[in-house]
Amino acid sequence: MAAMMTKSFASTTVAARAARSSRVVANAAVEWYGPERPKYLGPFSENDTPSYLTGEFAGDYGWDTAGLSADPETFRRYREIELIHARWALQ
């Protein structure tokens, strides 16, 4: 009986956490992505961001002085390499 109550309680808790976390993710996505995202100089960098940095990817604060993201194919390759290095660092 106690096992059934614990299992029922655990599934309710998991469902409640999932419902709360989906709302948090939606709010976070609105805040950190897109044209209204925070930029590297805050309000002073409004028209100073390159046109190819649209806020589509994580970590895009509108700053690319070396032009590393200008070519989409090169940017894709750098993103893949960064993921590989992050996975090695976590091991």
C-alpha atoms as a PDB file:
ATOM      1  CA  MET A   1       0.000   0.000   0.000  1.00  0.00           C
ATOM      2  CA  ALA A   2       2.777   2.436   0.900  1.00  0.00           C
ATOM      3  CA  ALA A   3       4.575   1.608  -2.361  1.00  0.00           C
ATOM      4  CA  MET A   4       1.443   2.427  -4.359  1.00  0.00           C
ATOM      5  CA  MET A   5       1.024   5.755  -2.555  1.00  0.00           C
ATOM      6  CA  THR A   6       4.686   6.651  -3.085  1.00  0.00           C
ATOM      7  CA  LYS A   7       4.503   5.769  -6.775  1.00  0.00           C
ATOM      8  CA  SER A   8       1.321   7.795  -7.222  1.00  0.00           C
ATOM      9  CA  PHE A   9       2.832  10.745  -5.344  1.00  0.00           C
ATOM     10  CA  ALA A  10       6.049  10.542  -7.401  1.00  0.00           C
ATOM     11  CA  SER A  11       4.210  10.565 -10.731  1.00  0.00           C
ATOM     12  CA  THR A  12       2.113  13.544  -9.603  1.00  0.00           C
ATOM     13  CA  THR A  13       5.252  15.403  -8.537  1.00  0.00           C
ATOM     14  CA  VAL A  14       6.984  14.678 -11.858  1.00  0.00           C
ATOM     15  CA  ALA A  15       3.944  15.851 -13.803  1.00  0.00           C
ATOM     16  CA  ALA A  16       3.758  19.044 -11.742  1.00  0.00           C
ATOM     17  CA  ARG A  17       7.470  19.740 -12.275  1.00  0.00           C
ATOM     18  CA  ALA A  18       7.133  19.173 -16.010  1.00  0.00           C
ATOM     19  CA  ALA A  19       4.228  21.619 -16.195  1.00  0.00           C
ATOM     20  CA  ARG A  20       6.172  24.276 -14.268  1.00  0.00           C
ATOM     21  CA  SER A  21       9.414  23.790 -16.207  1.00  0.00           C
ATOM     22  CA  SER A  22       7.684  24.151 -19.586  1.00  0.00           C
ATOM     23  CA  ARG A  23       6.438  27.595 -18.568  1.00  0.00           C
ATOM     24  CA  VAL A  24       9.879  28.630 -17.343  1.00  0.00           C
ATOM     25  CA  VAL A  25      11.517  27.536 -20.607  1.00  0.00           C
ATOM     26  CA  ALA A  26       9.003  29.515 -22.644  1.00  0.00           C
ATOM     27  CA  ASN A  27       9.682  32.663 -20.615  1.00  0.00           C
ATOM     28  CA  ALA A  28      13.445  32.150 -20.838  1.00  0.00           C
ATOM     29  CA  ALA A  29      13.292  31.695 -24.603  1.00  0.00           C
ATOM     30  CA  VAL A  30      11.461  34.981 -25.024  1.00  0.00           C
ATOM     31  CA  GLU A  31      13.953  36.787 -22.815  1.00  0.00           C
ATOM     32  CA  TRP A  32      17.241  35.516 -24.315  1.00  0.00           C
ATOM     33  CA  TYR A  33      16.484  34.986 -28.031  1.00  0.00           C
ATOM     34  CA  GLY A  34      15.355  37.213 -30.879  1.00  0.00           C
ATOM     35  CA  PRO A  35      15.800  40.888 -31.647  1.00  0.00           C
ATOM     36  CA  GLU A  36      14.924  42.045 -28.109  1.00  0.00           C
ATOM     37  CA  ARG A  37      17.634  39.903 -26.465  1.00  0.00           C
ATOM     38  CA  PRO A  38      20.303  41.506 -24.241  1.00  0.00           C
ATOM     39  CA  LYS A  39      23.238  42.800 -26.270  1.00  0.00           C
ATOM     40  CA  TYR A  40      26.894  43.224 -25.390  1.00  0.00           C
ATOM     41  CA  LEU A  41      26.692  46.994 -24.760  1.00  0.00           C
ATOM     42  CA  GLY A  42      23.141  47.001 -23.472  1.00  0.00           C
ATOM     43  CA  PRO A  43      21.094  49.934 -24.782  1.00  0.00           C
ATOM     44  CA  PHE A  44      24.174  51.484 -26.464  1.00  0.00           C
ATOM     45  CA  SER A  45      24.515  48.671 -29.038  1.00  0.00           C
ATOM     46  CA  GLU A  46      21.060  49.004 -30.622  1.00  0.00           C
ATOM     47  CA  ASN A  47      22.118  49.669 -34.244  1.00  0.00           C
ATOM     48  CA  ASP A  48      25.669  48.388 -33.899  1.00  0.00           C
ATOM     49  CA  THR A  49      25.034  44.637 -34.233  1.00  0.00           C
ATOM     50  CA  PRO A  50      25.969  42.811 -37.462  1.00  0.00           C
ATOM     51  CA  SER A  51      23.027  41.837 -39.663  1.00  0.00           C
ATOM     52  CA  TYR A  52      23.896  38.108 -39.549  1.00  0.00           C
ATOM     53  CA  LEU A  53      23.553  37.967 -35.740  1.00  0.00           C
ATOM     54  CA  THR A  54      19.801  37.693 -35.342  1.00  0.00           C
ATOM     55  CA  GLY A  55      19.587  36.146 -31.865  1.00  0.00           C
ATOM     56  CA  GLU A  56      18.703  32.729 -33.232  1.00  0.00           C
ATOM     57  CA  PHE A  57      21.469  30.850 -31.380  1.00  0.00           C
ATOM     58  CA  ALA A  58      22.414  30.634 -27.720  1.00  0.00           C
ATOM     59  CA  GLY A  59      25.076  33.103 -26.624  1.00  0.00           C
ATOM     60  CA  ASP A  60      24.341  35.603 -29.413  1.00  0.00           C
ATOM     61  CA  TYR A  61      24.785  39.003 -27.809  1.00  0.00           C
ATOM     62  CA  GLY A  62      25.389  40.811 -31.105  1.00  0.00           C
ATOM     63  CA  TRP A  63      29.167  40.972 -30.839  1.00  0.00           C
ATOM     64  CA  ASP A  64      31.468  39.549 -33.522  1.00  0.00           C
ATOM     65  CA  THR A  65      34.373  41.925 -34.116  1.00  0.00           C
ATOM     66  CA  ALA A  66      36.459  39.290 -35.936  1.00  0.00           C
ATOM     67  CA  GLY A  67      33.607  38.306 -38.285  1.00  0.00           C
ATOM     68  CA  LEU A  68      33.815  34.630 -37.335  1.00  0.00           C
ATOM     69  CA  SER A  69      30.064  34.149 -37.828  1.00  0.00           C
ATOM     70  CA  ALA A  70      29.728  36.015 -41.124  1.00  0.00           C
ATOM     71  CA  ASP A  71      29.872  32.870 -43.277  1.00  0.00           C
ATOM     72  CA  PRO A  72      27.019  30.455 -42.361  1.00  0.00           C
ATOM     73  CA  GLU A  73      29.034  27.333 -43.215  1.00  0.00           C
ATOM     74  CA  THR A  74      32.002  28.426 -41.099  1.00  0.00           C
ATOM     75  CA  PHE A  75      29.656  29.337 -38.240  1.00  0.00           C
ATOM     76  CA  ARG A  76      28.051  25.882 -38.434  1.00  0.00           C
ATOM     77  CA  ARG A  77      31.489  24.255 -38.288  1.00  0.00           C
ATOM     78  CA  TYR A  78      32.602  26.373 -35.309  1.00  0.00           C
ATOM     79  CA  ARG A  79      29.380  25.529 -33.471  1.00  0.00           C
ATOM     80  CA  GLU A  80      29.955  21.802 -34.008  1.00  0.00           C
ATOM     81  CA  ILE A  81      33.580  22.052 -32.846  1.00  0.00           C
ATOM     82  CA  GLU A  82      32.510  23.958 -29.733  1.00  0.00           C
ATOM     83  CA  LEU A  83      30.015  21.200 -28.857  1.00  0.00           C
ATOM     84  CA  ILE A  84      32.685  18.533 -29.261  1.00  0.00           C
ATOM     85  CA  HIS A  85      35.092  20.438 -26.990  1.00  0.00           C
ATOM     86  CA  ALA A  86      32.364  20.968 -24.390  1.00  0.00           C
ATOM     87  CA  ARG A  87      31.597  17.242 -24.355  1.00  0.00           C
ATOM     88  CA  TRP A  88      35.290  16.416 -23.866  1.00  0.00           C
ATOM     89  CA  ALA A  89      35.527  18.964 -21.043  1.00  0.00           C
ATOM     90  CA  LEU A  90      32.588  17.380 -19.216  1.00  0.00           C
ATOM     91  CA  GLN A  91      34.098  13.902 -19.190  1.00  0.00           C
END
